Amino acid sequence: MTVSAGPGGVAHRLREGMAGGVLSFPLTSFRDDGTLDPDGFRAYVADRLATSPGAVFPACGTGEFFSLDEDEYRQVVTITVEEAAGRVPVVAGAGYGWAQAVRFARIAEDAGADALLVLPHYLVAAPQDGLVAQLEQITARTRLPLIAYQRGQVAFTAESLRRIAALPGVIGLKDGHSDLDRLQRLTLAAPEDFLFFNGAATAEIQARAYAAVGVPAYSSAVHAFAPEISDAFFTALRDGDHGTVDKLLRGFYVPLVELRDRVPGYAVSLVKAAARLRGHPVGPVRAPLTDPSPADVAALTALLEAGLDLVGAAL
């Protein structure tokens, strides 16, 4: 557990990790009857950690946070912390209204997480003062440093970014809007040591554009099922190998996004289906998500084989 290092220490570890690898958002393993599969999840997380991600974010969007009860959440975060064993930072998801987010924050504290990713609040739109107050309420009630996640109904202005960055417990922002004009304004408004990372769905598609405005770090859903592809892309992007970047975008990432966009929720359920194709014990998604159709699984299989072939790997 590294909470004693404080927000500054956690931010430093995250910055180092973000410079060296993609951010991993593991899937949560369920059995066929929909119950949590702790043993399957432990095996899956251990496999993800073996590929040296920059940090690991359990029980977030890809991990179906919205479908976990508090006991399941505790198990997911605890297992991740145990498997990480201090090698990389563990950032747990927390969300809904601030009162519920604090309940999850306290569970994550007890489990030994290093920080929290504050997921967009539930249902309602809110003014900027309310978005700031949400983080004020959470950070006042947890020892864990926070990373805010702007997506959906959450979008900070530059002034609000200054306000949340001034809070002692807020260390960074994950962006899922892909509004590069807004994002550039936010990076310029933030303190120099404030963390930013690209949290767009299938973030690799826009990774070069984000890097151009000073946000090179990103989360990778592809790492959840094909770290060979995600690591090859990360290395090519870092090294300025635009030929390889373009090859992977054309041959794998763009077709993956086109398949993902066929059905709402495929940003998670398609990723889970791909992980099952690789033999990982992740099980089905929980309602209201649905597993992909047989036809889409067949298309996914062909695409995954093609993508792995591009990096010299096999299904």
C-alpha atoms as a PDB file:
ATOM      1  CA  MET A   1       0.000   0.000   0.000  1.00  0.00           C
ATOM      2  CA  THR A   2       1.466   3.397  -0.969  1.00  0.00           C
ATOM      3  CA  VAL A   3      -1.125   5.827   0.380  1.00  0.00           C
ATOM      4  CA  SER A   4       1.441   7.095   2.898  1.00  0.00           C
ATOM      5  CA  ALA A   5       3.442   8.489   0.008  1.00  0.00           C
ATOM      6  CA  GLY A   6       0.751  11.152  -0.355  1.00  0.00           C
ATOM      7  CA  PRO A   7      -0.715  12.658  -3.511  1.00  0.00           C
ATOM      8  CA  GLY A   8       2.653  13.918  -4.704  1.00  0.00           C
ATOM      9  CA  GLY A   9       4.283  10.520  -4.395  1.00  0.00           C
ATOM     10  CA  VAL A  10       1.419   8.764  -6.143  1.00  0.00           C
ATOM     11  CA  ALA A  11       1.428  11.363  -8.925  1.00  0.00           C
ATOM     12  CA  HIS A  12       5.172  10.835  -9.406  1.00  0.00           C
ATOM     13  CA  ARG A  13       4.729   7.068  -9.691  1.00  0.00           C
ATOM     14  CA  LEU A  14       1.865   7.521 -12.129  1.00  0.00           C
ATOM     15  CA  ARG A  15       3.861   9.956 -14.257  1.00  0.00           C
ATOM     16  CA  GLU A  16       6.740   7.497 -14.489  1.00  0.00           C
ATOM     17  CA  GLY A  17       4.380   4.655 -15.340  1.00  0.00           C
ATOM     18  CA  MET A  18       2.507   6.684 -17.956  1.00  0.00           C
ATOM     19  CA  ALA A  19       5.792   7.461 -19.698  1.00  0.00           C
ATOM     20  CA  GLY A  20       6.740   3.806 -19.887  1.00  0.00           C
ATOM     21  CA  GLY A  21       3.579   1.970 -20.896  1.00  0.00           C
ATOM     22  CA  VAL A  22      -0.132   2.064 -21.594  1.00  0.00           C
ATOM     23  CA  LEU A  23      -2.638   2.364 -18.770  1.00  0.00           C
ATOM     24  CA  SER A  24      -4.434  -0.940 -18.225  1.00  0.00           C
ATOM     25  CA  PHE A  25      -8.154  -1.091 -17.473  1.00  0.00           C
ATOM     26  CA  PRO A  26      -8.849  -4.756 -16.679  1.00  0.00           C
ATOM     27  CA  LEU A  27     -12.137  -6.454 -17.364  1.00  0.00           C
ATOM     28  CA  THR A  28     -14.058  -7.917 -14.422  1.00  0.00           C
ATOM     29  CA  SER A  29     -14.570 -11.680 -14.571  1.00  0.00           C
ATOM     30  CA  PHE A  30     -18.083 -13.103 -14.212  1.00  0.00           C
ATOM     31  CA  ARG A  31     -19.276 -16.683 -14.308  1.00  0.00           C
ATOM     32  CA  ASP A  32     -21.902 -17.779 -16.802  1.00  0.00           C
ATOM     33  CA  ASP A  33     -24.586 -17.295 -14.140  1.00  0.00           C
ATOM     34  CA  GLY A  34     -23.543 -13.649 -13.726  1.00  0.00           C
ATOM     35  CA  THR A  35     -21.819 -13.996 -10.353  1.00  0.00           C
ATOM     36  CA  LEU A  36     -18.351 -12.603  -9.754  1.00  0.00           C
ATOM     37  CA  ASP A  37     -15.494 -14.999 -10.530  1.00  0.00           C
ATOM     38  CA  PRO A  38     -12.671 -13.968  -8.159  1.00  0.00           C
ATOM     39  CA  ASP A  39     -10.311 -16.749  -9.232  1.00  0.00           C
ATOM     40  CA  GLY A  40     -10.807 -15.968 -12.898  1.00  0.00           C
ATOM     41  CA  PHE A  41     -10.249 -12.285 -12.222  1.00  0.00           C
ATOM     42  CA  ARG A  42      -7.064 -12.964 -10.275  1.00  0.00           C
ATOM     43  CA  ALA A  43      -5.638 -15.033 -13.127  1.00  0.00           C
ATOM     44  CA  TYR A  44      -6.636 -12.398 -15.663  1.00  0.00           C
ATOM     45  CA  VAL A  45      -5.146  -9.481 -13.706  1.00  0.00           C
ATOM     46  CA  ALA A  46      -1.917 -11.384 -13.136  1.00  0.00           C
ATOM     47  CA  ASP A  47      -1.684 -11.911 -16.884  1.00  0.00           C
ATOM     48  CA  ARG A  48      -2.243  -8.183 -17.568  1.00  0.00           C
ATOM     49  CA  LEU A  49       0.375  -7.178 -15.021  1.00  0.00           C
ATOM     50  CA  ALA A  50       2.910  -9.526 -16.599  1.00  0.00           C
ATOM     51  CA  THR A  51       2.913  -7.256 -19.670  1.00  0.00           C
ATOM     52  CA  SER A  52       4.208  -4.262 -17.629  1.00  0.00           C
ATOM     53  CA  PRO A  53       1.484  -1.610 -18.008  1.00  0.00           C
ATOM     54  CA  GLY A  54       2.139   1.876 -16.672  1.00  0.00           C
ATOM     55  CA  ALA A  55      -0.631   1.523 -14.078  1.00  0.00           C
ATOM     56  CA  VAL A  56      -3.727  -0.591 -13.548  1.00  0.00           C
ATOM     57  CA  PHE A  57      -7.261   0.766 -13.101  1.00  0.00           C
ATOM     58  CA  PRO A  58      -9.656  -1.895 -11.720  1.00  0.00           C
ATOM     59  CA  ALA A  59     -13.424  -1.467 -11.452  1.00  0.00           C
ATOM     60  CA  CYS A  60     -13.654   1.375 -13.945  1.00  0.00           C
ATOM     61  CA  GLY A  61     -15.739   1.610 -17.121  1.00  0.00           C
ATOM     62  CA  THR A  62     -14.127  -1.336 -18.888  1.00  0.00           C
ATOM     63  CA  GLY A  63     -14.343  -3.246 -15.617  1.00  0.00           C
ATOM     64  CA  GLU A  64     -18.127  -2.677 -15.404  1.00  0.00           C
ATOM     65  CA  PHE A  65     -17.977  -0.629 -12.203  1.00  0.00           C
ATOM     66  CA  PHE A  66     -21.609   0.319 -12.708  1.00  0.00           C
ATOM     67  CA  SER A  67     -22.689  -3.311 -12.279  1.00  0.00           C
ATOM     68  CA  LEU A  68     -20.691  -4.152  -9.128  1.00  0.00           C
ATOM     69  CA  ASP A  69     -22.071  -4.157  -5.616  1.00  0.00           C
ATOM     70  CA  GLU A  70     -19.828  -3.012  -2.769  1.00  0.00           C
ATOM     71  CA  ASP A  71     -18.654  -6.479  -1.770  1.00  0.00           C
ATOM     72  CA  GLU A  72     -17.771  -7.337  -5.372  1.00  0.00           C
ATOM     73  CA  TYR A  73     -15.970  -4.018  -5.717  1.00  0.00           C
ATOM     74  CA  ARG A  74     -13.955  -4.783  -2.588  1.00  0.00           C
ATOM     75  CA  GLN A  75     -12.896  -8.145  -3.989  1.00  0.00           C
ATOM     76  CA  VAL A  76     -11.920  -6.699  -7.368  1.00  0.00           C
ATOM     77  CA  VAL A  77      -9.786  -3.921  -5.884  1.00  0.00           C
ATOM     78  CA  THR A  78      -8.243  -6.168  -3.222  1.00  0.00           C
ATOM     79  CA  ILE A  79      -7.240  -8.802  -5.768  1.00  0.00           C
ATOM     80  CA  THR A  80      -5.700  -6.166  -8.027  1.00  0.00           C
ATOM     81  CA  VAL A  81      -3.694  -4.668  -5.169  1.00  0.00           C
ATOM     82  CA  GLU A  82      -2.485  -8.110  -4.105  1.00  0.00           C
ATOM     83  CA  GLU A  83      -1.431  -9.046  -7.617  1.00  0.00           C
ATOM     84  CA  ALA A  84       0.214  -5.681  -8.305  1.00  0.00           C
ATOM     85  CA  ALA A  85       2.191  -6.010  -5.067  1.00  0.00           C
ATOM     86  CA  GLY A  86       3.437  -2.445  -5.357  1.00  0.00           C
ATOM     87  CA  ARG A  87       4.947  -2.907  -8.818  1.00  0.00           C
ATOM     88  CA  VAL A  88       2.595  -0.404 -10.473  1.00  0.00           C
ATOM     89  CA  PRO A  89       0.048   2.065  -9.097  1.00  0.00           C
ATOM     90  CA  VAL A  90      -3.499   0.769  -8.612  1.00  0.00           C
ATOM     91  CA  VAL A  91      -6.195   3.362  -9.343  1.00  0.00           C
ATOM     92  CA  ALA A  92      -9.712   2.180  -8.492  1.00  0.00           C
ATOM     93  CA  GLY A  93     -12.886   3.554 -10.030  1.00  0.00           C
ATOM     94  CA  ALA A  94     -15.468   5.363  -7.908  1.00  0.00           C
ATOM     95  CA  GLY A  95     -18.596   7.160  -8.981  1.00  0.00           C
ATOM     96  CA  TYR A  96     -22.308   8.015  -8.824  1.00  0.00           C
ATOM     97  CA  GLY A  97     -23.069  10.939  -6.494  1.00  0.00           C
ATOM     98  CA  TRP A  98     -20.389  12.040  -4.071  1.00  0.00           C
ATOM     99  CA  ALA A  99     -21.948  10.238  -1.090  1.00  0.00           C
ATOM    100  CA  GLN A 100     -21.830   6.905  -2.911  1.00  0.00           C
ATOM    101  CA  ALA A 101     -18.420   7.667  -4.386  1.00  0.00           C
ATOM    102  CA  VAL A 102     -17.107   8.154  -0.863  1.00  0.00           C
ATOM    103  CA  ARG A 103     -18.423   4.719   0.161  1.00  0.00           C
ATOM    104  CA  PHE A 104     -16.443   3.165  -2.679  1.00  0.00           C
ATOM    105  CA  ALA A 105     -13.444   5.369  -1.862  1.00  0.00           C
ATOM    106  CA  ARG A 106     -13.315   4.034   1.678  1.00  0.00           C
ATOM    107  CA  ILE A 107     -13.479   0.473   0.416  1.00  0.00           C
ATOM    108  CA  ALA A 108     -10.617   1.224  -1.989  1.00  0.00           C
ATOM    109  CA  GLU A 109      -8.610   2.761   0.862  1.00  0.00           C
ATOM    110  CA  ASP A 110      -9.065  -0.346   2.994  1.00  0.00           C
ATOM    111  CA  ALA A 111      -8.113  -2.553   0.044  1.00  0.00           C
ATOM    112  CA  GLY A 112      -4.826  -0.676  -0.429  1.00  0.00           C
ATOM    113  CA  ALA A 113      -5.464   1.224  -3.669  1.00  0.00           C
ATOM    114  CA  ASP A 114      -3.119   4.095  -4.482  1.00  0.00           C
ATOM    115  CA  ALA A 115      -5.663   6.514  -5.983  1.00  0.00           C
ATOM    116  CA  LEU A 116      -9.186   6.868  -7.362  1.00  0.00           C
ATOM    117  CA  LEU A 117     -10.543   7.608 -10.807  1.00  0.00           C
ATOM    118  CA  VAL A 118     -13.733   9.613 -10.227  1.00  0.00           C
ATOM    119  CA  LEU A 119     -16.140   8.455 -12.913  1.00  0.00           C
ATOM    120  CA  PRO A 120     -18.794  10.843 -14.280  1.00  0.00           C
ATOM    121  CA  HIS A 121     -21.642  11.303 -11.825  1.00  0.00           C
ATOM    122  CA  TYR A 122     -24.994   9.668 -12.358  1.00  0.00           C
ATOM    123  CA  LEU A 123     -27.702  10.919 -14.727  1.00  0.00           C
ATOM    124  CA  VAL A 124     -27.977  14.680 -14.212  1.00  0.00           C
ATOM    125  CA  ALA A 125     -26.261  17.585 -15.929  1.00  0.00           C
ATOM    126  CA  ALA A 126     -24.609  20.058 -13.575  1.00  0.00           C
ATOM    127  CA  PRO A 127     -23.079  23.545 -13.685  1.00  0.00           C
ATOM    128  CA  GLN A 128     -19.364  24.096 -13.275  1.00  0.00           C
ATOM    129  CA  ASP A 129     -19.712  24.976  -9.591  1.00  0.00           C
ATOM    130  CA  GLY A 130     -21.400  21.637  -9.039  1.00  0.00           C
ATOM    131  CA  LEU A 131     -18.705  19.697 -10.894  1.00  0.00           C
ATOM    132  CA  VAL A 132     -16.074  21.320  -8.689  1.00  0.00           C
ATOM    133  CA  ALA A 133     -18.136  20.730  -5.534  1.00  0.00           C
ATOM    134  CA  GLN A 134     -18.442  17.024  -6.385  1.00  0.00           C
ATOM    135  CA  LEU A 135     -14.673  16.657  -6.208  1.00  0.00           C
ATOM    136  CA  GLU A 136     -14.442  18.881  -3.140  1.00  0.00           C
ATOM    137  CA  GLN A 137     -16.852  16.614  -1.289  1.00  0.00           C
ATOM    138  CA  ILE A 138     -15.002  13.442  -2.252  1.00  0.00           C
ATOM    139  CA  THR A 139     -11.471  14.641  -1.612  1.00  0.00           C
ATOM    140  CA  ALA A 140     -12.479  15.983   1.822  1.00  0.00           C
ATOM    141  CA  ARG A 141     -13.542  12.466   2.806  1.00  0.00           C
ATOM    142  CA  THR A 142     -10.750  10.221   1.530  1.00  0.00           C
ATOM    143  CA  ARG A 143      -7.002   9.984   1.951  1.00  0.00           C
ATOM    144  CA  LEU A 144      -6.643   8.770  -1.623  1.00  0.00           C
ATOM    145  CA  PRO A 145      -5.625  11.195  -4.374  1.00  0.00           C
ATOM    146  CA  LEU A 146      -8.196  11.676  -7.135  1.00  0.00           C
ATOM    147  CA  ILE A 147      -8.099  11.710 -10.920  1.00  0.00           C
ATOM    148  CA  ALA A 148     -11.198  13.359 -12.397  1.00  0.00           C
ATOM    149  CA  TYR A 149     -12.755  11.841 -15.500  1.00  0.00           C
ATOM    150  CA  GLN A 150     -14.468  14.214 -17.900  1.00  0.00           C
ATOM    151  CA  ARG A 151     -16.822  12.468 -20.251  1.00  0.00           C
ATOM    152  CA  GLY A 152     -20.538  12.599 -21.012  1.00  0.00           C
ATOM    153  CA  GLN A 153     -22.137  15.298 -18.889  1.00  0.00           C
ATOM    154  CA  VAL A 154     -18.829  16.216 -17.197  1.00  0.00           C
ATOM    155  CA  ALA A 155     -16.715  18.782 -19.038  1.00  0.00           C
ATOM    156  CA  PHE A 156     -14.539  21.256 -17.164  1.00  0.00           C
ATOM    157  CA  THR A 157     -13.742  24.798 -18.216  1.00  0.00           C
ATOM    158  CA  ALA A 158     -10.234  26.164 -17.799  1.00  0.00           C
ATOM    159  CA  GLU A 159     -11.331  28.095 -14.714  1.00  0.00           C
ATOM    160  CA  SER A 160     -12.880  24.993 -13.144  1.00  0.00           C
ATOM    161  CA  LEU A 161      -9.720  23.055 -13.944  1.00  0.00           C
ATOM    162  CA  ARG A 162      -7.706  25.618 -12.016  1.00  0.00           C
ATOM    163  CA  ARG A 163     -10.062  25.205  -9.078  1.00  0.00           C
ATOM    164  CA  ILE A 164      -9.926  21.414  -8.961  1.00  0.00           C
ATOM    165  CA  ALA A 165      -6.156  21.381  -9.511  1.00  0.00           C
ATOM    166  CA  ALA A 166      -5.843  23.593  -6.422  1.00  0.00           C
ATOM    167  CA  LEU A 167      -7.575  20.979  -4.277  1.00  0.00           C
ATOM    168  CA  PRO A 168      -4.899  19.125  -2.279  1.00  0.00           C
ATOM    169  CA  GLY A 169      -6.154  15.687  -3.260  1.00  0.00           C
ATOM    170  CA  VAL A 170      -6.778  16.102  -7.006  1.00  0.00           C
ATOM    171  CA  ILE A 171      -3.765  15.086  -9.105  1.00  0.00           C
ATOM    172  CA  GLY A 172      -5.017  14.653 -12.653  1.00  0.00           C
ATOM    173  CA  LEU A 173      -7.652  14.492 -15.360  1.00  0.00           C
ATOM    174  CA  LYS A 174      -8.696  11.737 -17.743  1.00  0.00           C
ATOM    175  CA  ASP A 175     -10.287  13.149 -20.890  1.00  0.00           C
ATOM    176  CA  GLY A 176     -12.918  11.256 -22.840  1.00  0.00           C
ATOM    177  CA  HIS A 177     -14.363  14.108 -24.914  1.00  0.00           C
ATOM    178  CA  SER A 178     -11.627  14.375 -27.548  1.00  0.00           C
ATOM    179  CA  ASP A 179     -12.284  18.100 -27.865  1.00  0.00           C
ATOM    180  CA  LEU A 180      -8.689  19.117 -28.494  1.00  0.00           C
ATOM    181  CA  ASP A 181      -9.406  22.846 -28.396  1.00  0.00           C
ATOM    182  CA  ARG A 182     -10.858  22.488 -24.893  1.00  0.00           C
ATOM    183  CA  LEU A 183      -8.140  20.075 -23.841  1.00  0.00           C
ATOM    184  CA  GLN A 184      -5.365  22.422 -24.934  1.00  0.00           C
ATOM    185  CA  ARG A 185      -6.921  25.194 -22.863  1.00  0.00           C
ATOM    186  CA  LEU A 186      -7.069  22.852 -19.871  1.00  0.00           C
ATOM    187  CA  THR A 187      -3.442  21.766 -20.149  1.00  0.00           C
ATOM    188  CA  LEU A 188      -2.349  25.407 -20.333  1.00  0.00           C
ATOM    189  CA  ALA A 189      -4.463  26.305 -17.293  1.00  0.00           C
ATOM    190  CA  ALA A 190      -3.164  23.441 -15.148  1.00  0.00           C
ATOM    191  CA  PRO A 191      -0.112  23.421 -12.884  1.00  0.00           C
ATOM    192  CA  GLU A 192       2.970  21.924 -14.453  1.00  0.00           C
ATOM    193  CA  ASP A 193       2.807  18.764 -12.354  1.00  0.00           C
ATOM    194  CA  PHE A 194      -0.888  18.029 -13.047  1.00  0.00           C
ATOM    195  CA  LEU A 195      -1.477  14.708 -14.806  1.00  0.00           C
ATOM    196  CA  PHE A 196      -3.470  14.362 -18.028  1.00  0.00           C
ATOM    197  CA  PHE A 197      -4.243  11.289 -20.061  1.00  0.00           C
ATOM    198  CA  ASN A 198      -6.262  10.336 -23.095  1.00  0.00           C
ATOM    199  CA  GLY A 199      -9.309   8.312 -22.085  1.00  0.00           C
ATOM    200  CA  ALA A 200     -11.168   8.296 -25.388  1.00  0.00           C
ATOM    201  CA  ALA A 201     -12.763   5.029 -26.448  1.00  0.00           C
ATOM    202  CA  THR A 202     -10.100   3.114 -28.413  1.00  0.00           C
ATOM    203  CA  ALA A 203      -7.676   5.854 -27.470  1.00  0.00           C
ATOM    204  CA  GLU A 204      -5.028   4.857 -30.006  1.00  0.00           C
ATOM    205  CA  ILE A 205      -7.132   6.324 -32.820  1.00  0.00           C
ATOM    206  CA  GLN A 206      -6.508   9.806 -31.466  1.00  0.00           C
ATOM    207  CA  ALA A 207      -3.232   9.243 -29.637  1.00  0.00           C
ATOM    208  CA  ARG A 208      -1.121  11.321 -32.033  1.00  0.00           C
ATOM    209  CA  ALA A 209      -3.549  14.226 -31.847  1.00  0.00           C
ATOM    210  CA  TYR A 210      -3.581  14.123 -28.037  1.00  0.00           C
ATOM    211  CA  ALA A 211       0.213  13.988 -27.936  1.00  0.00           C
ATOM    212  CA  ALA A 212       0.333  17.107 -30.111  1.00  0.00           C
ATOM    213  CA  VAL A 213      -1.438  19.109 -27.386  1.00  0.00           C
ATOM    214  CA  GLY A 214       0.806  17.749 -24.661  1.00  0.00           C
ATOM    215  CA  VAL A 215      -1.101  14.614 -23.590  1.00  0.00           C
ATOM    216  CA  PRO A 216       0.883  11.570 -24.751  1.00  0.00           C
ATOM    217  CA  ALA A 217      -0.358   9.107 -22.089  1.00  0.00           C
ATOM    218  CA  TYR A 218      -3.454   7.054 -22.776  1.00  0.00           C
ATOM    219  CA  SER A 219      -5.591   4.172 -21.591  1.00  0.00           C
ATOM    220  CA  SER A 220      -5.823   1.159 -23.881  1.00  0.00           C
ATOM    221  CA  ALA A 221      -8.855  -1.103 -24.098  1.00  0.00           C
ATOM    222  CA  VAL A 222      -6.873  -3.227 -26.561  1.00  0.00           C
ATOM    223  CA  HIS A 223      -4.414  -4.020 -23.775  1.00  0.00           C
ATOM    224  CA  ALA A 224      -7.290  -5.897 -22.123  1.00  0.00           C
ATOM    225  CA  PHE A 225      -7.108  -8.589 -24.808  1.00  0.00           C
ATOM    226  CA  ALA A 226      -4.091  -8.020 -27.070  1.00  0.00           C
ATOM    227  CA  PRO A 227      -1.167  -6.422 -25.237  1.00  0.00           C
ATOM    228  CA  GLU A 228       1.053  -7.465 -28.142  1.00  0.00           C
ATOM    229  CA  ILE A 229      -0.815  -4.994 -30.355  1.00  0.00           C
ATOM    230  CA  SER A 230      -1.183  -2.232 -27.781  1.00  0.00           C
ATOM    231  CA  ASP A 231       2.482  -2.408 -26.793  1.00  0.00           C
ATOM    232  CA  ALA A 232       3.626  -2.369 -30.428  1.00  0.00           C
ATOM    233  CA  PHE A 233       1.508   0.715 -31.049  1.00  0.00           C
ATOM    234  CA  PHE A 234       2.780   2.447 -27.884  1.00  0.00           C
ATOM    235  CA  THR A 235       6.393   1.790 -28.812  1.00  0.00           C
ATOM    236  CA  ALA A 236       5.916   2.986 -32.387  1.00  0.00           C
ATOM    237  CA  LEU A 237       4.155   6.142 -31.250  1.00  0.00           C
ATOM    238  CA  ARG A 238       6.802   6.902 -28.624  1.00  0.00           C
ATOM    239  CA  ASP A 239       9.620   6.337 -31.105  1.00  0.00           C
ATOM    240  CA  GLY A 240       8.050   8.378 -33.902  1.00  0.00           C
ATOM    241  CA  ASP A 241       7.665   5.316 -36.126  1.00  0.00           C
ATOM    242  CA  HIS A 242       4.700   6.686 -38.055  1.00  0.00           C
ATOM    243  CA  GLY A 243       4.821   3.920 -40.634  1.00  0.00           C
ATOM    244  CA  THR A 244       4.049   1.309 -37.982  1.00  0.00           C
ATOM    245  CA  VAL A 245       1.464   3.575 -36.351  1.00  0.00           C
ATOM    246  CA  ASP A 246      -0.336   3.980 -39.685  1.00  0.00           C
ATOM    247  CA  LYS A 247      -0.113   0.254 -40.429  1.00  0.00           C
ATOM    248  CA  LEU A 248      -1.730  -0.631 -37.110  1.00  0.00           C
ATOM    249  CA  LEU A 249      -4.375   2.061 -37.446  1.00  0.00           C
ATOM    250  CA  ARG A 250      -5.369   0.974 -40.956  1.00  0.00           C
ATOM    251  CA  GLY A 251      -5.101  -2.753 -40.413  1.00  0.00           C
ATOM    252  CA  PHE A 252      -6.561  -3.062 -36.933  1.00  0.00           C
ATOM    253  CA  TYR A 253      -7.693  -0.035 -34.944  1.00  0.00           C
ATOM    254  CA  VAL A 254      -9.948   1.669 -37.490  1.00  0.00           C
ATOM    255  CA  PRO A 255     -11.752  -1.589 -38.385  1.00  0.00           C
ATOM    256  CA  LEU A 256     -12.087  -2.316 -34.665  1.00  0.00           C
ATOM    257  CA  VAL A 257     -13.774   1.037 -34.081  1.00  0.00           C
ATOM    258  CA  GLU A 258     -16.121   0.443 -36.992  1.00  0.00           C
ATOM    259  CA  LEU A 259     -17.118  -2.899 -35.468  1.00  0.00           C
ATOM    260  CA  ARG A 260     -17.370  -1.373 -31.983  1.00  0.00           C
ATOM    261  CA  ASP A 261     -19.744   1.312 -33.212  1.00  0.00           C
ATOM    262  CA  ARG A 262     -22.307  -1.174 -34.526  1.00  0.00           C
ATOM    263  CA  VAL A 263     -24.004  -1.690 -31.145  1.00  0.00           C
ATOM    264  CA  PRO A 264     -24.198   0.463 -27.985  1.00  0.00           C
ATOM    265  CA  GLY A 265     -22.057  -1.053 -25.253  1.00  0.00           C
ATOM    266  CA  TYR A 266     -19.665  -2.827 -27.588  1.00  0.00           C
ATOM    267  CA  ALA A 267     -16.871  -0.647 -26.177  1.00  0.00           C
ATOM    268  CA  VAL A 268     -16.960  -3.102 -23.268  1.00  0.00           C
ATOM    269  CA  SER A 269     -18.689  -6.258 -24.522  1.00  0.00           C
ATOM    270  CA  LEU A 270     -16.590  -6.504 -27.686  1.00  0.00           C
ATOM    271  CA  VAL A 271     -13.435  -6.167 -25.599  1.00  0.00           C
ATOM    272  CA  LYS A 272     -14.663  -8.941 -23.318  1.00  0.00           C
ATOM    273  CA  ALA A 273     -15.452 -11.158 -26.298  1.00  0.00           C
ATOM    274  CA  ALA A 274     -11.941 -10.590 -27.636  1.00  0.00           C
ATOM    275  CA  ALA A 275     -10.456 -11.538 -24.266  1.00  0.00           C
ATOM    276  CA  ARG A 276     -12.468 -14.769 -24.301  1.00  0.00           C
ATOM    277  CA  LEU A 277     -11.123 -15.499 -27.783  1.00  0.00           C
ATOM    278  CA  ARG A 278      -7.625 -15.264 -26.290  1.00  0.00           C
ATOM    279  CA  GLY A 279      -8.594 -17.792 -23.591  1.00  0.00           C
ATOM    280  CA  HIS A 280      -8.917 -15.372 -20.687  1.00  0.00           C
ATOM    281  CA  PRO A 281     -11.440 -16.297 -17.948  1.00  0.00           C
ATOM    282  CA  VAL A 282     -13.481 -13.093 -18.052  1.00  0.00           C
ATOM    283  CA  GLY A 283     -16.925 -14.535 -18.767  1.00  0.00           C
ATOM    284  CA  PRO A 284     -19.916 -12.595 -20.118  1.00  0.00           C
ATOM    285  CA  VAL A 285     -20.937  -8.980 -19.573  1.00  0.00           C
ATOM    286  CA  ARG A 286     -23.721  -8.074 -17.168  1.00  0.00           C
ATOM    287  CA  ALA A 287     -26.971  -6.457 -18.200  1.00  0.00           C
ATOM    288  CA  PRO A 288     -27.728  -3.876 -19.447  1.00  0.00           C
ATOM    289  CA  LEU A 289     -24.767  -4.726 -21.702  1.00  0.00           C
ATOM    290  CA  THR A 290     -25.136  -7.641 -24.091  1.00  0.00           C
ATOM    291  CA  ASP A 291     -22.564  -9.979 -25.546  1.00  0.00           C
ATOM    292  CA  PRO A 292     -21.807  -9.620 -29.277  1.00  0.00           C
ATOM    293  CA  SER A 293     -23.800 -11.564 -31.865  1.00  0.00           C
ATOM    294  CA  PRO A 294     -22.208 -14.663 -33.447  1.00  0.00           C
ATOM    295  CA  ALA A 295     -21.721 -12.722 -36.672  1.00  0.00           C
ATOM    296  CA  ASP A 296     -19.900  -9.926 -34.872  1.00  0.00           C
ATOM    297  CA  VAL A 297     -17.775 -12.420 -32.927  1.00  0.00           C
ATOM    298  CA  ALA A 298     -16.769 -13.972 -36.261  1.00  0.00           C
ATOM    299  CA  ALA A 299     -15.824 -10.535 -37.587  1.00  0.00           C
ATOM    300  CA  LEU A 300     -13.935  -9.829 -34.379  1.00  0.00           C
ATOM    301  CA  THR A 301     -12.031 -13.102 -34.651  1.00  0.00           C
ATOM    302  CA  ALA A 302     -10.867 -12.305 -38.174  1.00  0.00           C
ATOM    303  CA  LEU A 303      -9.878  -8.779 -37.165  1.00  0.00           C
ATOM    304  CA  LEU A 304      -7.997  -9.973 -34.100  1.00  0.00           C
ATOM    305  CA  GLU A 305      -6.095 -12.541 -36.129  1.00  0.00           C
ATOM    306  CA  ALA A 306      -5.161  -9.850 -38.656  1.00  0.00           C
ATOM    307  CA  GLY A 307      -4.034  -7.448 -35.941  1.00  0.00           C
ATOM    308  CA  LEU A 308      -1.918 -10.047 -34.190  1.00  0.00           C
ATOM    309  CA  ASP A 309      -0.362 -11.023 -37.502  1.00  0.00           C
ATOM    310  CA  LEU A 310       0.696  -7.402 -38.018  1.00  0.00           C
ATOM    311  CA  VAL A 311       2.841  -7.602 -34.868  1.00  0.00           C
ATOM    312  CA  GLY A 312       4.064 -11.163 -35.380  1.00  0.00           C
ATOM    313  CA  ALA A 313       1.757 -12.814 -32.833  1.00  0.00           C
ATOM    314  CA  ALA A 314      -0.994 -15.404 -33.073  1.00  0.00           C
ATOM    315  CA  LEU A 315      -4.477 -15.876 -31.654  1.00  0.00           C
END
